Amino acid sequence: MPAQIRPAPRSVAPPFNPGSARADRFKRACDIIFGTGLALATSPLILVTWALVRATSSGPGFYSQVRVGRGNRNYRIYKIRTMTHNCESGSGVKWSTKGDARVTPVGRVLRKLHLDELPQLWNVLKGDMSLVGPRPERPEFVVPLSAEIEGYPERHQVRPGVTGLAQIQLPADSDVESVRTKLVLDRYYVEHASLWLDLRIMFGTLVYLVGFSYAQVRLLMRLPNPLTVAPPPTGSRTRGAIGGAKVVLRHQPAPTRKNEMAPALVTEGGAPARGGAR
């Protein structure tokens, strides 16, 4: 039985209704206003981190990678490089793991502070992304995950976000079941998006970055938690192949912080991205 989504609490503001052109224009205007302010405020920091990466490892300071956006449209995301240049030429396409040897020493610090994400503000201003929305995924993963998880394509009804409801309540994706759990939050956001919810998520992101736990962020920001406890579907696959890609899943206790991830879902095949993986 797939995870169920609870009805919106009464405290949640009226939804944006992602299908509404008026709501989309309003959200886009907010992205431009806030995104421009953040881009101007953080541009010196972006330049410093870029120079630091260039000085401490070979390869470019920025890197780009193809992600899937709204309406299943591919776009190129921009980040500060935190891994060795062209690392996937040897490792193949896979999610990052705790202690990933591909991550540079400087990259570990940037990832912990999430400074590598700042260039995505350019994607927000271009219209590829929003400040708040589901995390953008790579097409190499979207195809098998869409085949494996019912309702996965629904998260592409809105623009992906630099931060989001799932990103500040759950650790980074590590296997199919972690994606399935996050999808409950992504689908909730798609159905109940509002300005009030977006503001709480943005402030919650700041609270998380200063060191609060996921549970504390949820409590302080009064974030909705639509997750329900449900047994795994009968006959569901937890090891094997999804969408033609070989998958390795290993069980670990649920992590409490984003940087305490379980081992990655590994796919074999797919073209390497430029500069690294996330």
C-alpha atoms as a PDB file:
ATOM      1  CA  MET A   1       0.000   0.000   0.000  1.00  0.00           C
ATOM      2  CA  PRO A   2       1.563   3.335  -0.985  1.00  0.00           C
ATOM      3  CA  ALA A   3       2.043   5.996   1.686  1.00  0.00           C
ATOM      4  CA  GLN A   4      -1.136   8.001   2.258  1.00  0.00           C
ATOM      5  CA  ILE A   5      -1.358  11.787   2.316  1.00  0.00           C
ATOM      6  CA  ARG A   6      -3.453  13.413   5.002  1.00  0.00           C
ATOM      7  CA  PRO A   7      -5.857  16.247   4.175  1.00  0.00           C
ATOM      8  CA  ALA A   8      -4.485  19.757   4.615  1.00  0.00           C
ATOM      9  CA  PRO A   9      -4.725  20.986   8.226  1.00  0.00           C
ATOM     10  CA  ARG A  10      -7.113  23.874   8.780  1.00  0.00           C
ATOM     11  CA  SER A  11      -4.168  26.092   9.727  1.00  0.00           C
ATOM     12  CA  VAL A  12      -2.706  25.850   6.233  1.00  0.00           C
ATOM     13  CA  ALA A  13      -3.464  28.850   4.022  1.00  0.00           C
ATOM     14  CA  PRO A  14      -5.497  28.392   0.811  1.00  0.00           C
ATOM     15  CA  PRO A  15      -3.369  26.598  -1.789  1.00  0.00           C
ATOM     16  CA  PHE A  16      -1.592  28.232  -4.671  1.00  0.00           C
ATOM     17  CA  ASN A  17      -3.311  25.731  -6.972  1.00  0.00           C
ATOM     18  CA  PRO A  18      -0.266  25.067  -9.195  1.00  0.00           C
ATOM     19  CA  GLY A  19      -2.526  24.774 -12.232  1.00  0.00           C
ATOM     20  CA  SER A  20      -3.701  28.368 -11.828  1.00  0.00           C
ATOM     21  CA  ALA A  21      -1.958  30.852 -14.130  1.00  0.00           C
ATOM     22  CA  ARG A  22      -2.590  33.653 -11.641  1.00  0.00           C
ATOM     23  CA  ALA A  23      -1.029  31.704  -8.773  1.00  0.00           C
ATOM     24  CA  ASP A  24       1.940  30.769 -10.952  1.00  0.00           C
ATOM     25  CA  ARG A  25       2.548  34.420 -11.868  1.00  0.00           C
ATOM     26  CA  PHE A  26       2.379  35.433  -8.218  1.00  0.00           C
ATOM     27  CA  LYS A  27       4.829  32.747  -7.139  1.00  0.00           C
ATOM     28  CA  ARG A  28       7.126  33.637 -10.033  1.00  0.00           C
ATOM     29  CA  ALA A  29       7.081  37.304  -9.020  1.00  0.00           C
ATOM     30  CA  CYS A  30       8.050  36.315  -5.460  1.00  0.00           C
ATOM     31  CA  ASP A  31      10.894  34.175  -6.817  1.00  0.00           C
ATOM     32  CA  ILE A  32      12.242  37.070  -8.870  1.00  0.00           C
ATOM     33  CA  ILE A  33      12.031  39.580  -6.005  1.00  0.00           C
ATOM     34  CA  PHE A  34      13.475  37.361  -3.277  1.00  0.00           C
ATOM     35  CA  GLY A  35      15.833  35.563  -5.654  1.00  0.00           C
ATOM     36  CA  THR A  36      17.353  38.825  -6.878  1.00  0.00           C
ATOM     37  CA  GLY A  37      17.897  40.026  -3.322  1.00  0.00           C
ATOM     38  CA  LEU A  38      19.513  36.759  -2.277  1.00  0.00           C
ATOM     39  CA  ALA A  39      21.682  36.624  -5.395  1.00  0.00           C
ATOM     40  CA  LEU A  40      23.001  40.148  -4.785  1.00  0.00           C
ATOM     41  CA  ALA A  41      23.563  39.504  -1.073  1.00  0.00           C
ATOM     42  CA  THR A  42      25.398  36.200  -1.594  1.00  0.00           C
ATOM     43  CA  SER A  43      27.380  37.029  -4.757  1.00  0.00           C
ATOM     44  CA  PRO A  44      30.582  37.891  -2.790  1.00  0.00           C
ATOM     45  CA  LEU A  45      30.300  34.575  -0.935  1.00  0.00           C
ATOM     46  CA  ILE A  46      29.771  32.692  -4.197  1.00  0.00           C
ATOM     47  CA  LEU A  47      32.917  34.288  -5.662  1.00  0.00           C
ATOM     48  CA  VAL A  48      34.947  33.422  -2.559  1.00  0.00           C
ATOM     49  CA  THR A  49      33.845  29.777  -2.584  1.00  0.00           C
ATOM     50  CA  TRP A  50      34.484  29.566  -6.333  1.00  0.00           C
ATOM     51  CA  ALA A  51      38.038  30.883  -5.861  1.00  0.00           C
ATOM     52  CA  LEU A  52      38.619  28.504  -2.937  1.00  0.00           C
ATOM     53  CA  VAL A  53      37.569  25.483  -5.003  1.00  0.00           C
ATOM     54  CA  ARG A  54      39.738  26.582  -7.928  1.00  0.00           C
ATOM     55  CA  ALA A  55      42.743  27.034  -5.632  1.00  0.00           C
ATOM     56  CA  THR A  56      42.459  23.682  -3.867  1.00  0.00           C
ATOM     57  CA  SER A  57      41.572  21.203  -6.619  1.00  0.00           C
ATOM     58  CA  SER A  58      41.976  20.840 -10.356  1.00  0.00           C
ATOM     59  CA  GLY A  59      38.980  21.603 -12.537  1.00  0.00           C
ATOM     60  CA  PRO A  60      36.387  24.385 -12.726  1.00  0.00           C
ATOM     61  CA  GLY A  61      34.939  26.114  -9.683  1.00  0.00           C
ATOM     62  CA  PHE A  62      31.379  25.815 -10.988  1.00  0.00           C
ATOM     63  CA  TYR A  63      29.801  22.747 -12.517  1.00  0.00           C
ATOM     64  CA  SER A  64      26.535  22.089 -14.269  1.00  0.00           C
ATOM     65  CA  GLN A  65      24.360  19.023 -14.437  1.00  0.00           C
ATOM     66  CA  VAL A  66      21.117  18.100 -16.173  1.00  0.00           C
ATOM     67  CA  ARG A  67      18.060  17.901 -13.920  1.00  0.00           C
ATOM     68  CA  VAL A  68      14.356  17.327 -14.565  1.00  0.00           C
ATOM     69  CA  GLY A  69      12.113  20.339 -13.975  1.00  0.00           C
ATOM     70  CA  ARG A  70       8.451  21.207 -14.224  1.00  0.00           C
ATOM     71  CA  GLY A  71       6.581  19.310 -16.897  1.00  0.00           C
ATOM     72  CA  ASN A  72       9.460  16.792 -17.155  1.00  0.00           C
ATOM     73  CA  ARG A  73      11.525  19.424 -18.971  1.00  0.00           C
ATOM     74  CA  ASN A  74      15.274  18.976 -18.652  1.00  0.00           C
ATOM     75  CA  TYR A  75      17.381  21.961 -17.672  1.00  0.00           C
ATOM     76  CA  ARG A  76      20.948  22.537 -16.522  1.00  0.00           C
ATOM     77  CA  ILE A  77      21.500  23.249 -12.839  1.00  0.00           C
ATOM     78  CA  TYR A  78      24.504  25.213 -11.552  1.00  0.00           C
ATOM     79  CA  LYS A  79      26.460  24.561  -8.361  1.00  0.00           C
ATOM     80  CA  ILE A  80      29.860  25.038  -6.781  1.00  0.00           C
ATOM     81  CA  ARG A  81      31.919  21.930  -7.509  1.00  0.00           C
ATOM     82  CA  THR A  82      32.448  19.820  -4.386  1.00  0.00           C
ATOM     83  CA  MET A  83      33.749  16.622  -5.997  1.00  0.00           C
ATOM     84  CA  THR A  84      36.829  15.813  -8.016  1.00  0.00           C
ATOM     85  CA  HIS A  85      36.503  16.907 -11.615  1.00  0.00           C
ATOM     86  CA  ASN A  86      34.806  14.343 -13.906  1.00  0.00           C
ATOM     87  CA  CYS A  87      34.572  11.898 -10.998  1.00  0.00           C
ATOM     88  CA  GLU A  88      31.736   9.931 -12.597  1.00  0.00           C
ATOM     89  CA  SER A  89      33.977   8.824 -15.442  1.00  0.00           C
ATOM     90  CA  GLY A  90      35.274   6.271 -12.957  1.00  0.00           C
ATOM     91  CA  SER A  91      32.428   5.798 -10.489  1.00  0.00           C
ATOM     92  CA  GLY A  92      29.454   5.906 -12.830  1.00  0.00           C
ATOM     93  CA  VAL A  93      26.179   7.678 -12.043  1.00  0.00           C
ATOM     94  CA  LYS A  94      25.235   7.304  -8.389  1.00  0.00           C
ATOM     95  CA  TRP A  95      24.015   9.210  -5.383  1.00  0.00           C
ATOM     96  CA  SER A  96      26.568  10.525  -2.956  1.00  0.00           C
ATOM     97  CA  THR A  97      27.207   8.531   0.222  1.00  0.00           C
ATOM     98  CA  LYS A  98      28.487   9.357   3.687  1.00  0.00           C
ATOM     99  CA  GLY A  99      32.264   9.598   3.481  1.00  0.00           C
ATOM    100  CA  ASP A 100      32.149   9.633  -0.336  1.00  0.00           C
ATOM    101  CA  ALA A 101      35.761   9.546  -1.536  1.00  0.00           C
ATOM    102  CA  ARG A 102      34.835  11.667  -4.561  1.00  0.00           C
ATOM    103  CA  VAL A 103      34.150  14.708  -2.366  1.00  0.00           C
ATOM    104  CA  THR A 104      37.100  17.058  -1.896  1.00  0.00           C
ATOM    105  CA  PRO A 105      38.111  18.321   1.586  1.00  0.00           C
ATOM    106  CA  VAL A 106      36.856  21.812   0.762  1.00  0.00           C
ATOM    107  CA  GLY A 107      33.760  20.275  -0.787  1.00  0.00           C
ATOM    108  CA  ARG A 108      32.858  18.562   2.489  1.00  0.00           C
ATOM    109  CA  VAL A 109      32.785  21.908   4.249  1.00  0.00           C
ATOM    110  CA  LEU A 110      30.772  23.537   1.462  1.00  0.00           C
ATOM    111  CA  ARG A 111      28.257  20.697   1.495  1.00  0.00           C
ATOM    112  CA  LYS A 112      27.873  20.811   5.257  1.00  0.00           C
ATOM    113  CA  LEU A 113      27.140  24.542   5.061  1.00  0.00           C
ATOM    114  CA  HIS A 114      25.125  24.134   1.813  1.00  0.00           C
ATOM    115  CA  LEU A 115      27.163  26.894   0.195  1.00  0.00           C
ATOM    116  CA  ASP A 116      27.533  24.804  -2.954  1.00  0.00           C
ATOM    117  CA  GLU A 117      23.805  25.319  -3.584  1.00  0.00           C
ATOM    118  CA  LEU A 118      23.983  29.121  -3.906  1.00  0.00           C
ATOM    119  CA  PRO A 119      24.532  29.247  -7.715  1.00  0.00           C
ATOM    120  CA  GLN A 120      21.063  27.718  -8.090  1.00  0.00           C
ATOM    121  CA  LEU A 121      19.761  31.238  -7.516  1.00  0.00           C
ATOM    122  CA  TRP A 122      20.672  31.803 -11.171  1.00  0.00           C
ATOM    123  CA  ASN A 123      18.333  28.940 -12.069  1.00  0.00           C
ATOM    124  CA  VAL A 124      15.612  30.636 -10.010  1.00  0.00           C
ATOM    125  CA  LEU A 125      16.049  33.920 -11.879  1.00  0.00           C
ATOM    126  CA  LYS A 126      16.032  32.080 -15.225  1.00  0.00           C
ATOM    127  CA  GLY A 127      12.742  30.421 -14.344  1.00  0.00           C
ATOM    128  CA  ASP A 128      14.069  26.850 -14.244  1.00  0.00           C
ATOM    129  CA  MET A 129      13.542  26.633 -10.498  1.00  0.00           C
ATOM    130  CA  SER A 130      11.677  28.228  -7.619  1.00  0.00           C
ATOM    131  CA  LEU A 131      13.043  29.122  -4.206  1.00  0.00           C
ATOM    132  CA  VAL A 132      10.707  26.495  -2.722  1.00  0.00           C
ATOM    133  CA  GLY A 133       9.706  23.219  -4.330  1.00  0.00           C
ATOM    134  CA  PRO A 134      10.629  19.529  -4.606  1.00  0.00           C
ATOM    135  CA  ARG A 135      14.308  18.745  -4.971  1.00  0.00           C
ATOM    136  CA  PRO A 136      15.300  18.447  -8.659  1.00  0.00           C
ATOM    137  CA  GLU A 137      16.445  14.968  -9.634  1.00  0.00           C
ATOM    138  CA  ARG A 138      18.663  13.721 -12.434  1.00  0.00           C
ATOM    139  CA  PRO A 139      17.042  12.088 -15.471  1.00  0.00           C
ATOM    140  CA  GLU A 140      19.175   8.987 -14.894  1.00  0.00           C
ATOM    141  CA  PHE A 141      17.201   8.459 -11.680  1.00  0.00           C
ATOM    142  CA  VAL A 142      13.826   9.913 -12.702  1.00  0.00           C
ATOM    143  CA  VAL A 143      13.136   7.230 -15.301  1.00  0.00           C
ATOM    144  CA  PRO A 144      13.608   4.189 -13.003  1.00  0.00           C
ATOM    145  CA  LEU A 145      12.040   5.928  -9.997  1.00  0.00           C
ATOM    146  CA  SER A 146       8.952   6.837 -12.035  1.00  0.00           C
ATOM    147  CA  ALA A 147       8.596   3.177 -12.985  1.00  0.00           C
ATOM    148  CA  GLU A 148       9.151   1.968  -9.434  1.00  0.00           C
ATOM    149  CA  ILE A 149       7.162   4.481  -7.346  1.00  0.00           C
ATOM    150  CA  GLU A 150       3.515   5.234  -8.023  1.00  0.00           C
ATOM    151  CA  GLY A 151       2.822   8.951  -8.309  1.00  0.00           C
ATOM    152  CA  TYR A 152       6.462   9.984  -8.628  1.00  0.00           C
ATOM    153  CA  PRO A 153       5.884  12.119 -11.775  1.00  0.00           C
ATOM    154  CA  GLU A 154       3.387  14.283  -9.835  1.00  0.00           C
ATOM    155  CA  ARG A 155       6.279  16.150  -8.209  1.00  0.00           C
ATOM    156  CA  HIS A 156       7.059  17.621 -11.659  1.00  0.00           C
ATOM    157  CA  GLN A 157       3.812  19.609 -11.718  1.00  0.00           C
ATOM    158  CA  VAL A 158       5.658  22.517 -10.063  1.00  0.00           C
ATOM    159  CA  ARG A 159       9.106  24.028 -10.446  1.00  0.00           C
ATOM    160  CA  PRO A 160      11.798  22.288  -8.391  1.00  0.00           C
ATOM    161  CA  GLY A 161      13.132  24.285  -5.471  1.00  0.00           C
ATOM    162  CA  VAL A 162      16.409  25.323  -3.888  1.00  0.00           C
ATOM    163  CA  THR A 163      14.758  24.241  -0.637  1.00  0.00           C
ATOM    164  CA  GLY A 164      11.506  22.477   0.082  1.00  0.00           C
ATOM    165  CA  LEU A 165       9.185  20.803   2.549  1.00  0.00           C
ATOM    166  CA  ALA A 166      10.915  17.438   2.178  1.00  0.00           C
ATOM    167  CA  GLN A 167      14.458  18.853   2.134  1.00  0.00           C
ATOM    168  CA  ILE A 168      14.212  20.357   5.626  1.00  0.00           C
ATOM    169  CA  GLN A 169      12.388  17.426   7.217  1.00  0.00           C
ATOM    170  CA  LEU A 170      14.176  14.383   5.811  1.00  0.00           C
ATOM    171  CA  PRO A 171      17.789  13.418   4.961  1.00  0.00           C
ATOM    172  CA  ALA A 172      19.105  13.299   1.411  1.00  0.00           C
ATOM    173  CA  ASP A 173      17.926  10.476  -0.869  1.00  0.00           C
ATOM    174  CA  SER A 174      19.811   7.253  -0.208  1.00  0.00           C
ATOM    175  CA  ASP A 175      17.615   4.468  -1.623  1.00  0.00           C
ATOM    176  CA  VAL A 176      14.229   3.830  -3.199  1.00  0.00           C
ATOM    177  CA  GLU A 177      12.384   3.776   0.133  1.00  0.00           C
ATOM    178  CA  SER A 178      13.810   7.153   1.165  1.00  0.00           C
ATOM    179  CA  VAL A 179      12.578   8.589  -2.140  1.00  0.00           C
ATOM    180  CA  ARG A 180       9.170   6.993  -1.567  1.00  0.00           C
ATOM    181  CA  THR A 181       8.964   8.652   1.864  1.00  0.00           C
ATOM    182  CA  LYS A 182      10.028  12.047   0.542  1.00  0.00           C
ATOM    183  CA  LEU A 183       7.461  11.798  -2.228  1.00  0.00           C
ATOM    184  CA  VAL A 184       4.687  11.973   0.382  1.00  0.00           C
ATOM    185  CA  LEU A 185       5.958  15.420   1.390  1.00  0.00           C
ATOM    186  CA  ASP A 186       6.546  16.501  -2.215  1.00  0.00           C
ATOM    187  CA  ARG A 187       3.012  15.564  -3.224  1.00  0.00           C
ATOM    188  CA  TYR A 188       1.631  17.342  -0.181  1.00  0.00           C
ATOM    189  CA  TYR A 189       3.463  20.496  -1.234  1.00  0.00           C
ATOM    190  CA  VAL A 190       2.182  20.237  -4.809  1.00  0.00           C
ATOM    191  CA  GLU A 191      -1.400  19.975  -3.545  1.00  0.00           C
ATOM    192  CA  HIS A 192      -1.227  22.533  -0.718  1.00  0.00           C
ATOM    193  CA  ALA A 193       1.375  25.104  -1.766  1.00  0.00           C
ATOM    194  CA  SER A 194       0.752  28.589  -0.397  1.00  0.00           C
ATOM    195  CA  LEU A 195       2.691  31.756   0.310  1.00  0.00           C
ATOM    196  CA  TRP A 196       2.406  31.092   4.036  1.00  0.00           C
ATOM    197  CA  LEU A 197       3.789  27.579   3.629  1.00  0.00           C
ATOM    198  CA  ASP A 198       6.631  28.862   1.420  1.00  0.00           C
ATOM    199  CA  LEU A 199       7.591  31.489   4.014  1.00  0.00           C
ATOM    200  CA  ARG A 200       7.675  28.879   6.779  1.00  0.00           C
ATOM    201  CA  ILE A 201       9.826  26.585   4.643  1.00  0.00           C
ATOM    202  CA  MET A 202      12.291  29.396   3.858  1.00  0.00           C
ATOM    203  CA  PHE A 203      12.580  30.420   7.502  1.00  0.00           C
ATOM    204  CA  GLY A 204      12.782  26.735   8.440  1.00  0.00           C
ATOM    205  CA  THR A 205      15.732  26.375   6.089  1.00  0.00           C
ATOM    206  CA  LEU A 206      17.569  29.128   7.958  1.00  0.00           C
ATOM    207  CA  VAL A 207      16.738  27.466  11.280  1.00  0.00           C
ATOM    208  CA  TYR A 208      18.045  24.142   9.984  1.00  0.00           C
ATOM    209  CA  LEU A 209      21.263  25.715   8.699  1.00  0.00           C
ATOM    210  CA  VAL A 210      22.125  27.098  12.144  1.00  0.00           C
ATOM    211  CA  GLY A 211      22.024  23.586  13.572  1.00  0.00           C
ATOM    212  CA  PHE A 212      18.481  22.682  14.583  1.00  0.00           C
ATOM    213  CA  SER A 213      17.276  19.130  13.998  1.00  0.00           C
ATOM    214  CA  TYR A 214      14.561  18.160  11.543  1.00  0.00           C
ATOM    215  CA  ALA A 215      12.091  17.639  14.396  1.00  0.00           C
ATOM    216  CA  GLN A 216      12.923  21.030  15.923  1.00  0.00           C
ATOM    217  CA  VAL A 217      12.502  22.766  12.563  1.00  0.00           C
ATOM    218  CA  ARG A 218       9.113  21.110  12.087  1.00  0.00           C
ATOM    219  CA  LEU A 219       7.998  22.150  15.581  1.00  0.00           C
ATOM    220  CA  LEU A 220       9.266  25.736  15.438  1.00  0.00           C
ATOM    221  CA  MET A 221       7.890  26.442  11.964  1.00  0.00           C
ATOM    222  CA  ARG A 222       4.694  24.444  12.528  1.00  0.00           C
ATOM    223  CA  LEU A 223       5.327  22.569   9.314  1.00  0.00           C
ATOM    224  CA  PRO A 224       2.786  19.976   8.165  1.00  0.00           C
ATOM    225  CA  ASN A 225       3.860  16.355   8.522  1.00  0.00           C
ATOM    226  CA  PRO A 226       1.693  14.244   6.206  1.00  0.00           C
ATOM    227  CA  LEU A 227       3.754  11.103   6.714  1.00  0.00           C
ATOM    228  CA  THR A 228       1.875   8.061   7.974  1.00  0.00           C
ATOM    229  CA  VAL A 229       3.211   4.721   9.080  1.00  0.00           C
ATOM    230  CA  ALA A 230       2.269   2.056   6.580  1.00  0.00           C
ATOM    231  CA  PRO A 231       3.693  -1.427   5.940  1.00  0.00           C
ATOM    232  CA  PRO A 232       5.684  -1.937   2.733  1.00  0.00           C
ATOM    233  CA  PRO A 233       3.567  -3.013  -0.254  1.00  0.00           C
ATOM    234  CA  THR A 234       3.183  -6.749  -0.613  1.00  0.00           C
ATOM    235  CA  GLY A 235       5.663  -8.004  -3.162  1.00  0.00           C
ATOM    236  CA  SER A 236       7.401  -4.619  -3.404  1.00  0.00           C
ATOM    237  CA  ARG A 237      10.949  -4.715  -4.654  1.00  0.00           C
ATOM    238  CA  THR A 238      13.660  -3.776  -2.176  1.00  0.00           C
ATOM    239  CA  ARG A 239      16.536  -5.296  -4.087  1.00  0.00           C
ATOM    240  CA  GLY A 240      17.023  -5.860  -7.787  1.00  0.00           C
ATOM    241  CA  ALA A 241      16.441  -3.791 -10.887  1.00  0.00           C
ATOM    242  CA  ILE A 242      14.276  -0.749 -11.451  1.00  0.00           C
ATOM    243  CA  GLY A 243      13.706   0.543 -14.910  1.00  0.00           C
ATOM    244  CA  GLY A 244      16.598  -1.489 -16.275  1.00  0.00           C
ATOM    245  CA  ALA A 245      19.122  -0.019 -13.805  1.00  0.00           C
ATOM    246  CA  LYS A 246      20.860  -2.274 -11.306  1.00  0.00           C
ATOM    247  CA  VAL A 247      20.085  -1.230  -7.743  1.00  0.00           C
ATOM    248  CA  VAL A 248      21.877  -1.964  -4.495  1.00  0.00           C
ATOM    249  CA  LEU A 249      19.885  -1.254  -1.327  1.00  0.00           C
ATOM    250  CA  ARG A 250      21.250  -1.649   2.170  1.00  0.00           C
ATOM    251  CA  HIS A 251      19.248  -1.178   5.351  1.00  0.00           C
ATOM    252  CA  GLN A 252      20.489   1.206   8.027  1.00  0.00           C
ATOM    253  CA  PRO A 253      18.875   2.941  10.996  1.00  0.00           C
ATOM    254  CA  ALA A 254      17.166   6.172  10.004  1.00  0.00           C
ATOM    255  CA  PRO A 255      19.644   9.078  10.147  1.00  0.00           C
ATOM    256  CA  THR A 256      18.900  12.167  12.184  1.00  0.00           C
ATOM    257  CA  ARG A 257      20.796  14.778  10.179  1.00  0.00           C
ATOM    258  CA  LYS A 258      21.226  15.321   6.460  1.00  0.00           C
ATOM    259  CA  ASN A 259      24.916  14.467   6.521  1.00  0.00           C
ATOM    260  CA  GLU A 260      24.288  11.103   8.202  1.00  0.00           C
ATOM    261  CA  MET A 261      23.016   9.309   5.135  1.00  0.00           C
ATOM    262  CA  ALA A 262      22.603   5.618   4.499  1.00  0.00           C
ATOM    263  CA  PRO A 263      24.571   4.119   1.579  1.00  0.00           C
ATOM    264  CA  ALA A 264      23.512   5.180  -1.892  1.00  0.00           C
ATOM    265  CA  LEU A 265      21.320   3.659  -4.507  1.00  0.00           C
ATOM    266  CA  VAL A 266      23.766   2.879  -7.280  1.00  0.00           C
ATOM    267  CA  THR A 267      22.840   2.679 -10.942  1.00  0.00           C
ATOM    268  CA  GLU A 268      25.056   1.253 -13.607  1.00  0.00           C
ATOM    269  CA  GLY A 269      25.013   3.100 -16.904  1.00  0.00           C
ATOM    270  CA  GLY A 270      24.096   6.613 -17.943  1.00  0.00           C
ATOM    271  CA  ALA A 271      26.305   9.403 -19.179  1.00  0.00           C
ATOM    272  CA  PRO A 272      28.548  11.067 -16.591  1.00  0.00           C
ATOM    273  CA  ALA A 273      27.694  14.604 -15.587  1.00  0.00           C
ATOM    274  CA  ARG A 274      30.123  17.465 -15.793  1.00  0.00           C
ATOM    275  CA  GLY A 275      32.156  17.965 -12.632  1.00  0.00           C
ATOM    276  CA  GLY A 276      30.488  15.568 -10.180  1.00  0.00           C
ATOM    277  CA  ALA A 277      27.305  14.192  -8.722  1.00  0.00           C
ATOM    278  CA  ARG A 278      24.940  15.081  -5.957  1.00  0.00           C
END
